Amino acid sequence: MCGILGYYGVKSTEFYKGNPLEYISHRGPDYANQIFGEGHYLGHTRLSILDSSERGNQPMVSKDERYALIFNGELYNHLELREKYLKEIDFVSSSDTETLLYGLIKFGEKFVDNLNGIFAFSFYDVQTYTDTVMFFLNGEPISDQIMPLYPIIVYFVQMHIGIEIFNILISCLTVYVVF
């Protein structure tokens, strides 16, 4: 499975300087990338399964650059979702990540009700600075034994998320050491 790491709050540029993806590089050897801006950081290490082309790389950003998504897992019904709900979208990949991105843009969190799979994701709206973090197994919220995505909230103004708890704790220390 891929590795995902996110940070929402103040000092996102300090978080990035710590090179947090090095701690999850073992989760995805095929590609690694990170994006950050005012108040957010999204990082991803990729293990290519469905679409091994570069068009499936993450973090995936919408064409208008308003939305960003990091995703781990698999949507078993993503082709059916494209056909049923997203016909008007001009997809550039065959990735289930892109299906999820545009489904969330069009329908919001209600789109999750249509998903069949095992997954964890963080969906971020750069314009409104809002984030949706979810993890599910076949449409049902799941425990950390199946698809871990650990959220840690620090002083109610920062949120760190990640696929492994150790990496989040390291990222918390990185942000505070850099001041």
Foldseek 3Di string as FASTA:
>chain_A
DKKKKKKFFAPVVLLVVVVLCVVRCVRAVLDKDWDDDGGMIIIIHHNDDFWSDPLQDDQDADPVRFKTKDKDWDFPCLVVLCVPPNVPDDRPTPDSRVSVLVLCVVPNPVSLQVTATFMWMWMAGNVVGDIDTATDHGSHGDDLVRFDWDWDQDPNRMIMIIRDPVSSVVSVVSSVVRD
